[in-house]
Structure formats: structure tokens, C-alpha cells
Amino acid sequence: MITESKDQTPPKLLVAEDDLVMVKLLTFLFQREGYDASFAADGRQALEMIETQEPPRLVLLDIMLPHIKGLELLPAIRKKSEWNGVPIVMLTADSAEKDIVRALDAGANDYVVKPFNPQEFMARIRRFMRQER
């Protein structure tokens, strides 16, 4: 768990996820670790956040989002110079090898298939949150 001084803001994450049950689980897991997550319910909202907000420490993308798919958001993130180094973790029910390879080739740093083990998932997230950009 992260301990914070009063002048330190919690590490920020951007999460693009349309499943409300998954959003509740992620909110619980991230709050427990001391992370501040902003959630986008679809690809359009995520793209707007990418275009208007400061880069977070990590982006978590569902592949199968309404309006704009997670795989389509990857190049938008990597094109923005200030977002280029932000780790991107794909979180999806899609376990097809071709899609995993496609996401990693497009710039994703990791790929987690739903359902996942919460402890393993958070270990992956912590690994990226510790890295300096």
C-alpha cells in the first residue's frame, strides 16, 4: 500500500471500461492501494480525456469499448508526446492470441484477460506505477 504525505497527490490512472461491475471492482482495488482513478465509460469519453487531461501514471484500456475500441485508442495515446511513455495495460475478455499480439505490437505494455486474479492484477499495476517516466 502507498503511504502519502499531506502534500503528495495520489498516483493517477485513466481507466476506459464500460462494464459497471468491473468499474466497481477496479475502484475498490485502486482505492485500497491509494491510487486515484478516472473512469471513461466508452472510447469517445476516453479519447476526450486523453486529448484534454494531463497524462496519468498508467492507462487501463478495455479492448471492446463502445464507439471507439481500445485498440484504436492505443495509437492516439502513443502519438501524443507527453503521453507516449505512459504504460498501457489492456484489460479484456478477449483472449485470442492474434488480439494479444496486435495490442502488444500497437504499443500496449501488458495484457490482462478477464476474469483475473485480483492479487496478480494489482501486482502488475504496482510494477508499472513504481516505474519512473
C-alpha atoms as a PDB file:
ATOM      1  CA  MET A   1       0.000   0.000   0.000  1.00  0.00           C
ATOM      2  CA  ILE A   2       1.221   3.501  -0.792  1.00  0.00           C
ATOM      3  CA  THR A   3       1.736   5.877   2.092  1.00  0.00           C
ATOM      4  CA  GLU A   4       1.380   9.524   1.304  1.00  0.00           C
ATOM      5  CA  SER A   5       2.435  12.747   2.896  1.00  0.00           C
ATOM      6  CA  LYS A   6      -0.113  15.559   3.010  1.00  0.00           C
ATOM      7  CA  ASP A   7       1.461  17.408   0.071  1.00  0.00           C
ATOM      8  CA  GLN A   8       1.695  14.353  -2.191  1.00  0.00           C
ATOM      9  CA  THR A   9      -1.170  13.620  -4.549  1.00  0.00           C
ATOM     10  CA  PRO A  10      -2.127  10.003  -5.184  1.00  0.00           C
ATOM     11  CA  PRO A  11      -0.872   8.451  -8.434  1.00  0.00           C
ATOM     12  CA  LYS A  12      -3.439   8.872 -11.208  1.00  0.00           C
ATOM     13  CA  LEU A  13      -4.771   6.251 -13.582  1.00  0.00           C
ATOM     14  CA  LEU A  14      -7.060   6.554 -16.578  1.00  0.00           C
ATOM     15  CA  VAL A  15      -9.382   3.580 -16.954  1.00  0.00           C
ATOM     16  CA  ALA A  16     -11.543   3.000 -20.049  1.00  0.00           C
ATOM     17  CA  GLU A  17     -14.063   0.340 -19.049  1.00  0.00           C
ATOM     18  CA  ASP A  18     -17.769   0.007 -19.893  1.00  0.00           C
ATOM     19  CA  ASP A  19     -18.722  -2.832 -17.518  1.00  0.00           C
ATOM     20  CA  LEU A  20     -20.143  -1.293 -14.312  1.00  0.00           C
ATOM     21  CA  VAL A  21     -19.372  -4.364 -12.207  1.00  0.00           C
ATOM     22  CA  MET A  22     -15.747  -4.224 -13.355  1.00  0.00           C
ATOM     23  CA  VAL A  23     -15.631  -0.467 -12.655  1.00  0.00           C
ATOM     24  CA  LYS A  24     -16.766  -1.110  -9.069  1.00  0.00           C
ATOM     25  CA  LEU A  25     -14.144  -3.824  -8.588  1.00  0.00           C
ATOM     26  CA  LEU A  26     -11.372  -1.654 -10.054  1.00  0.00           C
ATOM     27  CA  THR A  27     -12.456   1.320  -7.948  1.00  0.00           C
ATOM     28  CA  PHE A  28     -12.198  -0.824  -4.816  1.00  0.00           C
ATOM     29  CA  LEU A  29      -8.790  -2.254  -5.774  1.00  0.00           C
ATOM     30  CA  PHE A  30      -7.320   1.129  -6.716  1.00  0.00           C
ATOM     31  CA  GLN A  31      -8.652   2.958  -3.656  1.00  0.00           C
ATOM     32  CA  ARG A  32      -7.207   0.235  -1.432  1.00  0.00           C
ATOM     33  CA  GLU A  33      -3.770   0.885  -2.995  1.00  0.00           C
ATOM     34  CA  GLY A  34      -4.106   4.671  -2.707  1.00  0.00           C
ATOM     35  CA  TYR A  35      -4.478   5.346  -6.443  1.00  0.00           C
ATOM     36  CA  ASP A  36      -6.748   7.992  -7.957  1.00  0.00           C
ATOM     37  CA  ALA A  37      -8.576   6.523 -10.978  1.00  0.00           C
ATOM     38  CA  SER A  38     -10.588   8.453 -13.557  1.00  0.00           C
ATOM     39  CA  PHE A  39     -13.038   6.297 -15.480  1.00  0.00           C
ATOM     40  CA  ALA A  40     -14.257   6.619 -19.063  1.00  0.00           C
ATOM     41  CA  ALA A  41     -17.385   4.596 -19.916  1.00  0.00           C
ATOM     42  CA  ASP A  42     -16.639   4.407 -23.645  1.00  0.00           C
ATOM     43  CA  GLY A  43     -13.953   5.095 -26.221  1.00  0.00           C
ATOM     44  CA  ARG A  44     -15.177   8.600 -27.080  1.00  0.00           C
ATOM     45  CA  GLN A  45     -15.044   9.703 -23.473  1.00  0.00           C
ATOM     46  CA  ALA A  46     -11.575   8.143 -23.105  1.00  0.00           C
ATOM     47  CA  LEU A  47     -10.334   9.957 -26.223  1.00  0.00           C
ATOM     48  CA  GLU A  48     -11.657  13.261 -24.888  1.00  0.00           C
ATOM     49  CA  MET A  49      -9.823  12.663 -21.610  1.00  0.00           C
ATOM     50  CA  ILE A  50      -6.625  11.781 -23.496  1.00  0.00           C
ATOM     51  CA  GLU A  51      -6.883  14.982 -25.524  1.00  0.00           C
ATOM     52  CA  THR A  52      -7.679  17.314 -22.612  1.00  0.00           C
ATOM     53  CA  GLN A  53      -6.035  15.970 -19.457  1.00  0.00           C
ATOM     54  CA  GLU A  54      -2.514  15.692 -18.146  1.00  0.00           C
ATOM     55  CA  PRO A  55      -1.024  12.227 -18.642  1.00  0.00           C
ATOM     56  CA  PRO A  56      -1.688   9.769 -15.815  1.00  0.00           C
ATOM     57  CA  ARG A  57       0.837   7.292 -14.449  1.00  0.00           C
ATOM     58  CA  LEU A  58      -0.977   4.417 -16.190  1.00  0.00           C
ATOM     59  CA  VAL A  59      -3.791   3.777 -18.676  1.00  0.00           C
ATOM     60  CA  LEU A  60      -6.011   0.714 -18.399  1.00  0.00           C
ATOM     61  CA  LEU A  61      -7.926   0.008 -21.612  1.00  0.00           C
ATOM     62  CA  ASP A  62     -10.705  -2.426 -22.335  1.00  0.00           C
ATOM     63  CA  ILE A  63     -10.456  -3.596 -25.943  1.00  0.00           C
ATOM     64  CA  MET A  64     -14.184  -3.893 -26.527  1.00  0.00           C
ATOM     65  CA  LEU A  65     -15.416  -0.382 -25.748  1.00  0.00           C
ATOM     66  CA  PRO A  66     -18.467   1.291 -27.294  1.00  0.00           C
ATOM     67  CA  HIS A  67     -17.833   3.906 -30.050  1.00  0.00           C
ATOM     68  CA  ILE A  68     -14.016   3.665 -30.207  1.00  0.00           C
ATOM     69  CA  LYS A  69     -12.271   0.375 -29.428  1.00  0.00           C
ATOM     70  CA  GLY A  70      -9.311   0.174 -27.079  1.00  0.00           C
ATOM     71  CA  LEU A  71      -7.027  -0.926 -29.906  1.00  0.00           C
ATOM     72  CA  GLU A  72      -7.964   2.280 -31.762  1.00  0.00           C
ATOM     73  CA  LEU A  73      -7.098   4.379 -28.703  1.00  0.00           C
ATOM     74  CA  LEU A  74      -3.568   2.954 -28.467  1.00  0.00           C
ATOM     75  CA  PRO A  75      -2.190   4.969 -31.440  1.00  0.00           C
ATOM     76  CA  ALA A  76      -3.929   8.127 -30.179  1.00  0.00           C
ATOM     77  CA  ILE A  77      -2.115   7.767 -26.867  1.00  0.00           C
ATOM     78  CA  ARG A  78       1.252   6.936 -28.427  1.00  0.00           C
ATOM     79  CA  LYS A  79       1.037   9.915 -30.852  1.00  0.00           C
ATOM     80  CA  LYS A  80       0.836  12.437 -28.014  1.00  0.00           C
ATOM     81  CA  SER A  81       4.405  13.176 -26.969  1.00  0.00           C
ATOM     82  CA  GLU A  82       3.561  13.799 -23.307  1.00  0.00           C
ATOM     83  CA  TRP A  83       1.544  10.545 -23.151  1.00  0.00           C
ATOM     84  CA  ASN A  84       3.964   8.416 -25.179  1.00  0.00           C
ATOM     85  CA  GLY A  85       5.763   6.971 -22.148  1.00  0.00           C
ATOM     86  CA  VAL A  86       2.610   6.198 -20.155  1.00  0.00           C
ATOM     87  CA  PRO A  87       2.289   2.458 -19.561  1.00  0.00           C
ATOM     88  CA  ILE A  88      -0.849   0.966 -21.127  1.00  0.00           C
ATOM     89  CA  VAL A  89      -2.393  -2.226 -19.797  1.00  0.00           C
ATOM     90  CA  MET A  90      -5.123  -3.851 -21.855  1.00  0.00           C
ATOM     91  CA  LEU A  91      -7.900  -5.403 -19.770  1.00  0.00           C
ATOM     92  CA  THR A  92     -10.327  -7.514 -21.742  1.00  0.00           C
ATOM     93  CA  ALA A  93     -12.267 -10.738 -22.002  1.00  0.00           C
ATOM     94  CA  ASP A  94     -10.653 -11.268 -25.410  1.00  0.00           C
ATOM     95  CA  SER A  95      -8.034 -13.991 -25.019  1.00  0.00           C
ATOM     96  CA  ALA A  96      -7.392 -14.574 -28.734  1.00  0.00           C
ATOM     97  CA  GLU A  97      -3.658 -14.790 -29.374  1.00  0.00           C
ATOM     98  CA  LYS A  98      -3.902 -12.618 -32.506  1.00  0.00           C
ATOM     99  CA  ASP A  99      -5.514  -9.795 -30.499  1.00  0.00           C
ATOM    100  CA  ILE A 100      -2.952 -10.039 -27.705  1.00  0.00           C
ATOM    101  CA  VAL A 101      -0.131  -9.830 -30.254  1.00  0.00           C
ATOM    102  CA  ARG A 102      -1.878  -6.961 -32.061  1.00  0.00           C
ATOM    103  CA  ALA A 103      -2.253  -4.974 -28.822  1.00  0.00           C
ATOM    104  CA  LEU A 104       1.347  -5.528 -27.756  1.00  0.00           C
ATOM    105  CA  ASP A 105       2.613  -4.648 -31.248  1.00  0.00           C
ATOM    106  CA  ALA A 106       0.492  -1.471 -31.193  1.00  0.00           C
ATOM    107  CA  GLY A 107       2.171  -0.246 -28.010  1.00  0.00           C
ATOM    108  CA  ALA A 108       0.454  -1.892 -25.045  1.00  0.00           C
ATOM    109  CA  ASN A 109       2.817  -2.739 -22.194  1.00  0.00           C
ATOM    110  CA  ASP A 110       0.764  -5.594 -20.775  1.00  0.00           C
ATOM    111  CA  TYR A 111      -2.415  -7.573 -21.436  1.00  0.00           C
ATOM    112  CA  VAL A 112      -4.719  -8.950 -18.743  1.00  0.00           C
ATOM    113  CA  VAL A 113      -7.608 -11.283 -19.573  1.00  0.00           C
ATOM    114  CA  LYS A 114     -10.875 -11.115 -17.610  1.00  0.00           C
ATOM    115  CA  PRO A 115     -11.687 -12.717 -15.297  1.00  0.00           C
ATOM    116  CA  PHE A 116      -8.416 -12.118 -13.490  1.00  0.00           C
ATOM    117  CA  ASN A 117      -6.909 -12.844 -10.098  1.00  0.00           C
ATOM    118  CA  PRO A 118      -7.073  -9.506  -8.204  1.00  0.00           C
ATOM    119  CA  GLN A 119      -3.735 -10.020  -6.421  1.00  0.00           C
ATOM    120  CA  GLU A 120      -1.888 -10.840  -9.638  1.00  0.00           C
ATOM    121  CA  PHE A 121      -3.590  -7.946 -11.426  1.00  0.00           C
ATOM    122  CA  MET A 122      -2.583  -5.459  -8.727  1.00  0.00           C
ATOM    123  CA  ALA A 123       0.994  -6.779  -8.744  1.00  0.00           C
ATOM    124  CA  ARG A 124       1.115  -5.966 -12.474  1.00  0.00           C
ATOM    125  CA  ILE A 125      -0.324  -2.489 -11.852  1.00  0.00           C
ATOM    126  CA  ARG A 126       2.088  -1.773  -8.981  1.00  0.00           C
ATOM    127  CA  ARG A 127       5.023  -2.765 -11.192  1.00  0.00           C
ATOM    128  CA  PHE A 128       4.113  -0.027 -13.666  1.00  0.00           C
ATOM    129  CA  MET A 129       3.176   2.517 -11.017  1.00  0.00           C
ATOM    130  CA  ARG A 130       6.660   2.232  -9.477  1.00  0.00           C
ATOM    131  CA  GLN A 131       8.423   2.964 -12.754  1.00  0.00           C
ATOM    132  CA  GLU A 132       9.636   6.465 -13.386  1.00  0.00           C
ATOM    133  CA  ARG A 133       8.767   8.063 -16.699  1.00  0.00           C
END
